[in-house]
Amino acid sequence: MSERLLSGHSRLDGVLGGGLPVDAINMLIGLPGTGKTILAQQYLFANATLERPALYLATVSEPFDKILRYGQSLRFFDPGAVGNSVFYEDLGPALNERGLAGVLEQVTGLVKERRPGIIVIDSFKALSAYAEAAEFRRFLHDFAGHLSAFPASSFWIGEYGEEEIAMAPEFAVADAIISLSTTRASERETRSLRVLKLRGSEFAPGQHAYRLSANGIDVFPRLADQIDMTSYPLDGARHSSGIAALDDMLADGYWPGASTLCAGPSGCGKTLMGLHFIFNGVRQGEPGVLATLQEHPTQLARIVEGFGWSTKEQGVELMYRSPVDMYIDEWVYDLLEAVERIGARRVLIDSLTDLKLASPDEIRFREYMYSLVQRFSRQGVSVFMTSELPDLFHVSRLSEFGVSHLSDNVVLLQYTRDGATVRRALTVLKTRASRHEPETREFRITPEGIVLGDPFIPAQTFD
């Protein structure tokens, strides 16, 4: 592989196939406010050295002092590097006085003087307004030629839309094109990064979510794992669900690495069944991550303590996120990091219904869930997922999210009427590659947790 220019952010470098090629012309495009300047400065400070300094050249799109002032609010901004390994210069006066010829002359002089390893021009698009099309093409040819005489990695920033790629001549010169955008769905905004071109290199296609903060740009690569046909070891021992009667219905418990979907209406015990799964594992020496999008940690702690457990037990990692303004992309990487950090063997996701709200794109949601389930399976991590059904008594469909077919086990909880009494019922609908008891049993929620009763007799109805 050719030498790569790193961003200082490993996930972004992964999207770019290990980083941008060194000494390439890279275009960062997007509408105002998408983070182009932040990303360029992130590359600047991550790579500038005394021997190969960095040049940041402002044109006429944004006041020079404003770029510096906002740059200082970023944590990677190193005031000690400014004037030593990072140099900010203003091309505006030369551009206004002598046009593109003045820009070419000033840039050539700065490159000869500084011998930079990185050059940023912000905004490059603004230069095209200072010449007719033919003159701008000649400038582009001369400018690229001058840069090639002094090899450096260049970033040309512009407020381009993706539809301009086929028309603007600078895109033909570029070796890499990275697009930053913001999309709005209802009241939710999502930032997305796309690699549109990366000459001579592989990259991760599709839209990758990102956030902007004082740390710079934080990218969450699209989780869309390809089918992996290589074999991996399977543990043949069954693991208890924490509910003895349910273990019997599942043929002695769960397979390690299995995924279980527990679906049912509100209040029927889905979360409690998942808590049995997590805390039973912890007490068998299997750490677990409790990933909840429903109860606040204070509320959940009270619920858990009511059944003799504690969210502060060693081996339990509580990961609470609000579904409001949440990126599913970010949530997935937080979960993967939590699993790795504590060596988790069990995961509870409560619930898929809330998680789906954070992903308005149904195909994207299914890609994430497929990839997540497959990764956990290969790692031997068992996952228990809850899903809320709208039907209280007549269950007409199991899942709206296309997850039931991915699950190894499917458990249905529902309410039944018995005269004036409403009772809870449990059915194991599916256990992949294993036998199970296809019967419906009543269950009760007691201070000790879920207790299964006898099977319903045929004369009983589910009206």
Protein backbone atom coordinates (compact mmCIF):
# COMPACT_ATOMS: atom_id res chain seq x y z
CA MET A 1 0.00 0.00 0.00
CA SER A 2 1.20 3.54 -0.78
CA GLU A 3 2.01 5.94 2.04
CA ARG A 4 -1.11 7.34 3.72
CA LEU A 5 -2.06 10.66 5.27
CA LEU A 6 -3.89 10.06 8.55
CA SER A 7 -6.63 12.26 9.99
CA GLY A 8 -6.01 11.56 13.68
CA HIS A 9 -9.34 9.71 13.78
CA SER A 10 -9.02 5.95 13.20
CA ARG A 11 -12.61 5.35 12.06
CA LEU A 12 -12.37 8.02 9.36
CA ASP A 13 -9.06 6.56 8.21
CA GLY A 14 -10.79 3.18 8.00
CA VAL A 15 -13.51 4.61 5.75
CA LEU A 16 -10.71 5.93 3.51
CA GLY A 17 -9.06 2.53 3.18
CA GLY A 18 -6.30 3.38 5.66
CA GLY A 19 -6.08 7.12 4.98
CA LEU A 20 -5.76 9.53 2.09
CA PRO A 21 -2.90 8.99 -0.39
CA VAL A 22 0.05 11.26 0.43
CA ASP A 23 0.70 14.24 -1.90
CA ALA A 24 -2.78 14.01 -3.45
CA ILE A 25 -5.26 16.78 -4.27
CA ASN A 26 -8.27 16.29 -2.00
CA MET A 27 -11.55 18.16 -2.31
CA LEU A 28 -13.77 18.68 0.72
CA ILE A 29 -17.21 19.72 -0.47
CA GLY A 30 -20.52 20.54 1.16
CA LEU A 31 -22.87 23.35 2.01
CA PRO A 32 -21.95 25.93 4.67
CA GLY A 33 -21.96 24.56 8.22
CA THR A 34 -21.20 20.93 7.37
CA GLY A 35 -17.71 20.96 8.94
CA LYS A 36 -15.35 21.23 5.97
CA THR A 37 -13.05 23.75 7.66
CA ILE A 38 -12.98 21.72 10.88
CA LEU A 39 -12.00 18.55 8.99
CA ALA A 40 -9.27 20.36 7.06
CA GLN A 41 -7.78 21.81 10.26
CA GLN A 42 -7.96 18.37 11.88
CA TYR A 43 -5.70 17.04 9.10
CA LEU A 44 -3.52 20.13 9.45
CA PHE A 45 -2.67 19.72 13.14
CA ALA A 46 -2.46 15.92 12.95
CA ASN A 47 0.30 16.02 10.33
CA ALA A 48 2.20 19.32 10.54
CA THR A 49 5.86 19.09 11.60
CA LEU A 50 8.73 21.53 11.76
CA GLU A 51 10.33 19.78 8.79
CA ARG A 52 7.09 19.58 6.77
CA PRO A 53 4.84 22.38 8.03
CA ALA A 54 1.24 23.06 7.02
CA LEU A 55 -0.16 26.07 5.17
CA TYR A 56 -3.75 27.22 5.65
CA LEU A 57 -4.63 29.72 2.92
CA ALA A 58 -7.87 31.67 3.25
CA THR A 59 -9.41 33.33 0.21
CA VAL A 60 -12.51 35.55 0.37
CA SER A 61 -15.28 33.28 1.65
CA GLU A 62 -14.68 33.78 5.38
CA PRO A 63 -12.80 36.49 7.28
CA PHE A 64 -9.26 35.43 8.10
CA ASP A 65 -9.48 36.34 11.80
CA LYS A 66 -12.78 34.43 12.12
CA ILE A 67 -11.13 31.20 10.91
CA LEU A 68 -8.42 31.60 13.56
CA ARG A 69 -10.86 32.55 16.32
CA TYR A 70 -13.14 29.56 15.78
CA GLY A 71 -10.17 27.26 15.22
CA GLN A 72 -8.94 28.02 18.74
CA SER A 73 -12.16 26.54 20.19
CA LEU A 74 -11.15 23.08 18.92
CA ARG A 75 -9.19 20.82 21.25
CA PHE A 76 -6.73 19.71 18.58
CA PHE A 77 -5.81 23.35 17.86
CA ASP A 78 -2.29 23.85 19.21
CA PRO A 79 -1.44 27.55 19.70
CA GLY A 80 2.22 26.60 20.10
CA ALA A 81 2.26 25.12 16.59
CA VAL A 82 0.93 28.31 14.95
CA GLY A 83 3.86 30.17 13.46
CA ASN A 84 6.16 27.17 13.87
CA SER A 85 4.67 24.17 12.07
CA VAL A 86 1.27 25.60 11.10
CA PHE A 87 1.02 28.84 9.15
CA TYR A 88 -2.16 30.77 8.35
CA GLU A 89 -2.02 33.15 5.40
CA ASP A 90 -4.63 35.40 3.77
CA LEU A 91 -4.91 35.27 -0.04
CA GLY A 92 -7.75 37.79 -0.09
CA PRO A 93 -5.73 40.96 -0.71
CA ALA A 94 -3.73 39.41 -3.56
CA LEU A 95 -6.90 37.99 -5.10
CA ASN A 96 -8.74 41.32 -4.95
CA GLU A 97 -5.80 43.34 -6.26
CA ARG A 98 -4.28 41.07 -8.94
CA GLY A 99 -6.83 38.31 -9.47
CA LEU A 100 -5.86 34.69 -10.04
CA ALA A 101 -2.36 35.68 -11.17
CA GLY A 102 -1.79 37.25 -7.77
CA VAL A 103 -2.98 34.09 -6.04
CA LEU A 104 -0.67 31.91 -8.13
CA GLU A 105 2.28 34.19 -7.40
CA GLN A 106 1.64 34.31 -3.63
CA VAL A 107 1.05 30.56 -3.29
CA THR A 108 4.19 29.78 -5.30
CA GLY A 109 6.24 32.06 -3.07
CA LEU A 110 4.83 30.56 0.14
CA VAL A 111 5.44 27.00 -1.06
CA LYS A 112 9.06 27.79 -1.93
CA GLU A 113 9.57 29.49 1.42
CA ARG A 114 7.82 27.02 3.73
CA ARG A 115 8.21 23.70 1.86
CA PRO A 116 4.92 22.49 3.35
CA GLY A 117 3.67 18.93 3.58
CA ILE A 118 0.03 20.07 3.64
CA ILE A 119 -1.71 22.97 1.90
CA VAL A 120 -5.34 23.97 2.57
CA ILE A 121 -7.18 26.47 0.38
CA ASP A 122 -10.45 27.70 1.87
CA SER A 123 -12.48 28.43 -0.20
CA PHE A 124 -11.23 27.15 -3.54
CA LYS A 125 -14.63 27.60 -5.16
CA ALA A 126 -14.48 31.33 -4.48
CA LEU A 127 -11.55 31.60 -6.93
CA SER A 128 -13.73 30.71 -9.93
CA ALA A 129 -15.68 33.97 -9.56
CA TYR A 130 -12.56 35.95 -10.51
CA ALA A 131 -12.26 34.63 -14.06
CA GLU A 132 -14.19 33.44 -17.08
CA ALA A 133 -14.41 29.69 -17.63
CA ALA A 134 -11.47 29.47 -20.07
CA GLU A 135 -9.20 31.61 -17.89
CA PHE A 136 -10.09 29.61 -14.78
CA ARG A 137 -9.20 26.36 -16.57
CA ARG A 138 -5.77 27.80 -17.49
CA PHE A 139 -5.25 28.88 -13.89
CA LEU A 140 -6.25 25.41 -12.69
CA HIS A 141 -3.71 23.80 -15.03
CA ASP A 142 -0.91 26.16 -13.95
CA PHE A 143 -1.81 25.87 -10.26
CA ALA A 144 -1.80 22.05 -10.30
CA GLY A 145 1.53 22.13 -12.14
CA HIS A 146 3.12 24.37 -9.51
CA LEU A 147 1.87 22.10 -6.72
CA SER A 148 3.29 18.99 -8.42
CA ALA A 149 6.75 20.61 -8.46
CA PHE A 150 6.70 20.68 -4.66
CA PRO A 151 4.91 17.50 -3.54
CA ALA A 152 2.40 18.18 -0.79
CA SER A 153 -1.04 16.98 0.24
CA SER A 154 -3.58 19.60 -0.79
CA PHE A 155 -7.11 20.21 0.48
CA TRP A 156 -9.36 22.34 -1.68
CA ILE A 157 -12.46 23.35 0.25
CA GLY A 158 -15.62 24.53 -1.45
CA GLU A 159 -19.36 25.04 -0.97
CA TYR A 160 -20.11 22.71 -3.87
CA GLY A 161 -23.17 20.53 -4.26
CA GLU A 162 -22.67 16.99 -5.54
CA GLU A 163 -24.47 17.94 -8.77
CA GLU A 164 -21.54 20.27 -9.62
CA ILE A 165 -19.01 17.45 -9.83
CA ALA A 166 -19.77 16.76 -13.50
CA MET A 167 -19.44 20.44 -14.47
CA ALA A 168 -16.69 22.09 -12.42
CA PRO A 169 -13.23 21.41 -13.94
CA GLU A 170 -11.44 21.22 -10.57
CA PHE A 171 -13.09 17.86 -9.84
CA ALA A 172 -11.28 16.26 -12.78
CA VAL A 173 -7.95 17.27 -11.22
CA ALA A 174 -8.84 15.97 -7.76
CA ASP A 175 -7.54 12.62 -6.53
CA ALA A 176 -10.09 12.39 -3.72
CA ILE A 177 -13.53 13.91 -3.19
CA ILE A 178 -15.16 13.83 0.25
CA SER A 179 -18.70 15.15 0.58
CA LEU A 180 -20.17 16.38 3.87
CA SER A 181 -23.90 16.93 4.11
CA THR A 182 -26.80 17.43 6.50
CA THR A 183 -30.16 15.77 5.89
CA ARG A 184 -33.40 16.45 7.69
CA ALA A 185 -36.14 13.92 8.41
CA SER A 186 -39.08 15.43 10.28
CA GLU A 187 -37.45 17.24 13.25
CA ARG A 188 -34.26 15.15 13.17
CA GLU A 189 -31.04 16.22 11.43
CA THR A 190 -28.30 13.77 10.47
CA ARG A 191 -24.82 14.57 9.21
CA SER A 192 -23.40 12.22 6.57
CA LEU A 193 -19.96 11.79 5.01
CA ARG A 194 -19.52 10.17 1.61
CA VAL A 195 -16.37 9.33 -0.31
CA LEU A 196 -17.20 10.11 -3.94
CA LYS A 197 -13.74 9.51 -5.39
CA LEU A 198 -10.45 8.08 -4.13
CA ARG A 199 -8.04 7.49 -6.96
CA GLY A 200 -6.16 4.19 -6.85
CA SER A 201 -7.59 3.08 -3.51
CA GLU A 202 -10.47 1.16 -2.03
CA PHE A 203 -12.82 2.88 0.42
CA ALA A 204 -16.00 2.18 2.36
CA PRO A 205 -18.97 3.18 0.16
CA GLY A 206 -22.26 4.65 1.32
CA GLN A 207 -23.22 7.29 3.86
CA HIS A 208 -21.29 7.44 7.12
CA ALA A 209 -22.77 9.45 9.99
CA TYR A 210 -20.61 11.96 11.81
CA ARG A 211 -20.84 14.50 14.60
CA LEU A 212 -19.01 17.78 15.09
CA SER A 213 -17.68 18.73 18.51
CA ALA A 214 -14.73 20.43 20.16
CA ASN A 215 -12.77 17.25 19.36
CA GLY A 216 -13.35 17.80 15.64
CA ILE A 217 -15.18 15.39 13.38
CA ASP A 218 -16.19 12.01 14.81
CA VAL A 219 -17.18 9.50 12.11
CA PHE A 220 -19.32 6.40 12.62
CA PRO A 221 -18.76 4.17 9.58
CA ARG A 222 -21.80 2.50 8.07
CA LEU A 223 -22.08 -0.95 9.64
CA ALA A 224 -22.87 -3.21 6.71
CA ASP A 225 -20.80 -6.37 7.09
CA GLN A 226 -20.43 -8.61 4.09
CA ILE A 227 -21.21 -12.32 4.42
CA ASP A 228 -18.21 -14.05 5.99
CA MET A 229 -18.02 -17.69 4.95
CA THR A 230 -15.04 -18.56 7.17
CA SER A 231 -15.75 -20.94 10.03
CA TYR A 232 -15.56 -19.94 13.69
CA PRO A 233 -15.66 -21.99 16.93
CA LEU A 234 -19.01 -22.70 18.59
CA ASP A 235 -19.49 -23.41 22.30
CA GLY A 236 -21.73 -26.47 22.62
CA ALA A 237 -22.79 -25.76 26.22
CA ARG A 238 -26.24 -24.31 26.83
CA HIS A 239 -26.61 -21.15 28.96
CA SER A 240 -29.53 -20.56 31.28
CA SER A 241 -32.03 -17.77 30.67
CA GLY A 242 -32.43 -17.38 34.42
CA ILE A 243 -35.97 -18.81 34.23
CA ALA A 244 -35.86 -22.57 34.74
CA ALA A 245 -39.18 -23.36 33.05
CA LEU A 246 -38.23 -21.24 30.03
CA ASP A 247 -34.93 -23.12 29.76
CA ASP A 248 -36.97 -26.31 29.45
CA MET A 249 -39.05 -24.78 26.66
CA LEU A 250 -35.82 -23.72 24.90
CA ALA A 251 -34.33 -27.21 25.22
CA ASP A 252 -32.08 -26.40 28.21
CA GLY A 253 -31.42 -22.72 27.54
CA TYR A 254 -29.69 -20.52 24.96
CA TRP A 255 -26.79 -21.37 22.72
CA PRO A 256 -23.81 -19.04 23.38
CA GLY A 257 -23.74 -16.41 20.64
CA ALA A 258 -27.45 -16.86 19.92
CA SER A 259 -29.77 -13.93 19.32
CA THR A 260 -33.19 -13.87 20.95
CA LEU A 261 -36.12 -11.65 20.06
CA CYS A 262 -38.73 -11.15 22.77
CA ALA A 263 -41.83 -9.46 21.38
CA GLY A 264 -45.01 -8.41 23.12
CA PRO A 265 -47.31 -5.52 24.05
CA SER A 266 -46.52 -2.84 26.60
CA GLY A 267 -46.17 -3.96 30.22
CA CYS A 268 -46.14 -7.70 29.55
CA GLY A 269 -42.63 -8.36 30.96
CA LYS A 270 -40.20 -8.05 28.03
CA THR A 271 -37.68 -5.91 29.91
CA LEU A 272 -37.89 -8.13 32.98
CA MET A 273 -37.18 -11.21 30.89
CA GLY A 274 -34.13 -9.44 29.48
CA LEU A 275 -32.96 -8.53 32.98
CA HIS A 276 -33.20 -12.20 33.99
CA PHE A 277 -30.97 -12.95 31.01
CA ILE A 278 -28.35 -10.35 31.97
CA PHE A 279 -28.16 -10.88 35.73
CA ASN A 280 -28.26 -14.65 35.52
CA GLY A 281 -25.27 -14.45 33.19
CA VAL A 282 -23.38 -12.08 35.49
CA ARG A 283 -23.79 -14.52 38.37
CA GLN A 284 -22.37 -17.26 36.19
CA GLY A 285 -19.30 -15.18 35.44
CA GLU A 286 -20.54 -13.79 32.12
CA PRO A 287 -20.37 -9.97 32.04
CA GLY A 288 -23.29 -8.23 30.37
CA VAL A 289 -24.17 -4.90 28.76
CA LEU A 290 -27.62 -3.52 29.51
CA ALA A 291 -28.29 -1.20 26.55
CA THR A 292 -31.52 0.61 27.28
CA LEU A 293 -33.31 3.40 25.44
CA GLN A 294 -36.36 3.39 27.69
CA GLU A 295 -35.87 3.78 31.44
CA HIS A 296 -33.61 6.48 32.84
CA PRO A 297 -30.82 4.90 34.97
CA THR A 298 -32.53 6.07 38.18
CA GLN A 299 -35.82 4.48 37.17
CA LEU A 300 -34.13 1.30 36.00
CA ALA A 301 -32.13 1.00 39.22
CA ARG A 302 -35.37 1.06 41.22
CA ILE A 303 -36.93 -1.62 38.99
CA VAL A 304 -33.86 -3.83 39.19
CA GLU A 305 -33.48 -3.50 42.94
CA GLY A 306 -37.10 -4.60 43.36
CA PHE A 307 -36.08 -8.04 42.09
CA GLY A 308 -32.91 -8.33 44.17
CA TRP A 309 -30.41 -7.18 41.54
CA SER A 310 -28.29 -4.06 41.16
CA THR A 311 -27.08 -2.14 38.10
CA LYS A 312 -23.84 -1.54 40.05
CA GLU A 313 -22.97 -5.22 40.28
CA GLN A 314 -19.54 -6.09 38.99
CA GLY A 315 -19.83 -7.35 35.44
CA VAL A 316 -22.84 -5.17 34.56
CA GLU A 317 -22.36 -2.23 32.18
CA LEU A 318 -25.36 0.08 31.92
CA MET A 319 -25.50 1.96 28.60
CA TYR A 320 -28.42 4.39 28.61
CA ARG A 321 -29.14 6.56 25.59
CA SER A 322 -32.19 8.68 24.85
CA PRO A 323 -33.73 7.96 21.44
CA VAL A 324 -34.19 11.73 21.02
CA ASP A 325 -31.51 13.16 18.70
CA MET A 326 -29.60 9.87 18.71
CA TYR A 327 -27.60 8.49 15.79
CA ILE A 328 -28.02 4.74 15.46
CA ASP A 329 -24.53 4.73 13.92
CA GLU A 330 -23.02 6.27 17.06
CA TRP A 331 -25.07 3.99 19.33
CA VAL A 332 -23.79 0.85 17.58
CA TYR A 333 -20.15 1.85 18.02
CA ASP A 334 -20.74 2.78 21.66
CA LEU A 335 -22.25 -0.68 22.20
CA LEU A 336 -19.38 -2.48 20.43
CA GLU A 337 -16.85 -0.54 22.52
CA ALA A 338 -18.73 -1.37 25.75
CA VAL A 339 -18.78 -5.08 24.88
CA GLU A 340 -15.05 -5.04 24.19
CA ARG A 341 -14.22 -2.95 27.26
CA ILE A 342 -15.77 -5.34 29.82
CA GLY A 343 -15.42 -8.56 27.83
CA ALA A 344 -19.22 -8.95 27.74
CA ARG A 345 -20.77 -12.32 26.90
CA ARG A 346 -24.39 -11.13 27.02
CA VAL A 347 -26.15 -8.03 25.71
CA LEU A 348 -29.70 -6.75 26.29
CA ILE A 349 -31.10 -4.28 23.74
CA ASP A 350 -34.24 -2.67 25.14
CA SER A 351 -35.84 -1.91 22.76
CA LEU A 352 -35.74 -2.28 18.98
CA THR A 353 -38.85 -0.10 18.80
CA ASP A 354 -36.97 2.89 20.24
CA LEU A 355 -33.85 2.09 18.23
CA LYS A 356 -35.84 2.18 15.00
CA LEU A 357 -36.95 5.73 15.81
CA ALA A 358 -33.31 6.81 15.56
CA SER A 359 -33.07 5.36 12.05
CA PRO A 360 -35.65 6.78 9.65
CA ASP A 361 -34.10 4.69 6.87
CA GLU A 362 -35.56 1.18 7.18
CA ILE A 363 -32.95 -0.47 4.93
CA ARG A 364 -30.14 1.12 6.96
CA PHE A 365 -31.71 -0.15 10.20
CA ARG A 366 -31.89 -3.71 8.87
CA GLU A 367 -28.26 -3.53 7.67
CA TYR A 368 -27.16 -2.47 11.14
CA MET A 369 -29.11 -5.18 12.93
CA TYR A 370 -27.89 -7.91 10.54
CA SER A 371 -24.27 -6.82 10.97
CA LEU A 372 -24.60 -6.48 14.75
CA VAL A 373 -26.18 -9.92 15.18
CA GLN A 374 -23.55 -11.53 12.94
CA ARG A 375 -20.65 -9.88 14.78
CA PHE A 376 -21.95 -10.97 18.16
CA SER A 377 -22.53 -14.50 16.91
CA ARG A 378 -18.93 -14.84 15.72
CA GLN A 379 -17.68 -13.46 19.03
CA GLY A 380 -19.84 -15.84 21.06
CA VAL A 381 -21.80 -12.93 22.57
CA SER A 382 -25.48 -13.72 23.22
CA VAL A 383 -27.93 -10.90 22.54
CA PHE A 384 -31.48 -10.48 23.83
CA MET A 385 -33.66 -7.92 21.99
CA THR A 386 -37.08 -6.64 22.99
CA SER A 387 -39.72 -5.35 20.59
CA GLU A 388 -43.07 -3.80 21.41
CA LEU A 389 -46.17 -5.05 19.57
CA PRO A 390 -49.28 -2.90 19.13
CA ASP A 391 -51.72 -5.78 19.63
CA LEU A 392 -52.69 -6.59 23.21
CA PHE A 393 -54.65 -9.79 22.54
CA HIS A 394 -54.65 -10.65 18.84
CA VAL A 395 -51.06 -10.69 17.60
CA SER A 396 -51.21 -10.41 13.83
CA ARG A 397 -47.51 -9.87 13.11
CA LEU A 398 -44.34 -10.32 15.06
CA SER A 399 -42.02 -7.53 13.97
CA GLU A 400 -42.15 -4.51 11.71
CA PHE A 401 -38.38 -4.30 11.55
CA GLY A 402 -37.37 -7.44 9.67
CA VAL A 403 -35.45 -8.76 12.70
CA SER A 404 -37.37 -11.91 13.58
CA HIS A 405 -35.83 -13.88 10.71
CA LEU A 406 -32.34 -12.88 11.93
CA SER A 407 -33.02 -14.16 15.45
CA ASP A 408 -32.13 -17.66 16.59
CA ASN A 409 -34.88 -17.67 19.21
CA VAL A 410 -38.23 -15.90 19.12
CA VAL A 411 -40.32 -15.58 22.29
CA LEU A 412 -43.83 -14.12 22.14
CA LEU A 413 -45.46 -12.54 25.20
CA GLN A 414 -49.14 -11.59 25.09
CA TYR A 415 -52.21 -10.98 27.18
CA THR A 416 -55.16 -13.36 27.38
CA ARG A 417 -58.65 -12.87 28.76
CA ASP A 418 -60.08 -15.25 31.31
CA GLY A 419 -63.50 -13.83 32.11
CA ALA A 420 -62.88 -10.55 33.91
CA THR A 421 -59.19 -11.42 34.44
CA VAL A 422 -56.32 -10.56 32.15
CA ARG A 423 -53.49 -13.09 32.22
CA ARG A 424 -50.03 -13.15 30.69
CA ALA A 425 -48.97 -15.89 28.28
CA LEU A 426 -45.61 -16.95 26.81
CA THR A 427 -44.91 -18.93 23.65
CA VAL A 428 -41.57 -19.98 22.19
CA LEU A 429 -42.18 -19.62 18.45
CA LYS A 430 -38.73 -20.47 17.17
CA THR A 431 -35.37 -21.93 18.18
CA ARG A 432 -32.94 -22.28 15.31
CA ALA A 433 -31.26 -25.68 14.91
CA SER A 434 -32.82 -26.93 18.12
CA ARG A 435 -36.01 -28.43 19.45
CA HIS A 436 -38.37 -26.42 21.62
CA GLU A 437 -41.72 -26.86 23.33
CA PRO A 438 -44.33 -25.23 21.04
CA GLU A 439 -46.85 -24.61 23.78
CA THR A 440 -48.35 -21.51 25.36
CA ARG A 441 -47.86 -21.14 29.09
CA GLU A 442 -49.14 -18.66 31.60
CA PHE A 443 -46.57 -16.66 33.54
CA ARG A 444 -46.70 -14.37 36.52
CA ILE A 445 -44.46 -11.51 37.62
CA THR A 446 -43.51 -11.96 41.29
CA PRO A 447 -40.93 -10.34 43.60
CA GLU A 448 -38.57 -13.11 42.48
CA GLY A 449 -39.12 -12.23 38.83
CA ILE A 450 -40.91 -14.22 36.13
CA VAL A 451 -42.48 -17.53 37.15
CA LEU A 452 -43.94 -19.80 34.47
CA GLY A 453 -47.11 -21.74 35.12
CA ASP A 454 -48.73 -24.69 33.41
CA PRO A 455 -49.60 -24.80 29.70
CA PHE A 456 -52.99 -23.48 28.70
CA ILE A 457 -55.41 -26.32 28.00
CA PRO A 458 -57.02 -26.54 24.53
CA ALA A 459 -60.41 -25.32 25.78
CA GLN A 460 -58.90 -21.98 26.82
CA THR A 461 -59.19 -19.21 24.25
CA PHE A 462 -57.18 -16.12 23.46
CA ASP A 463 -59.96 -13.65 22.85
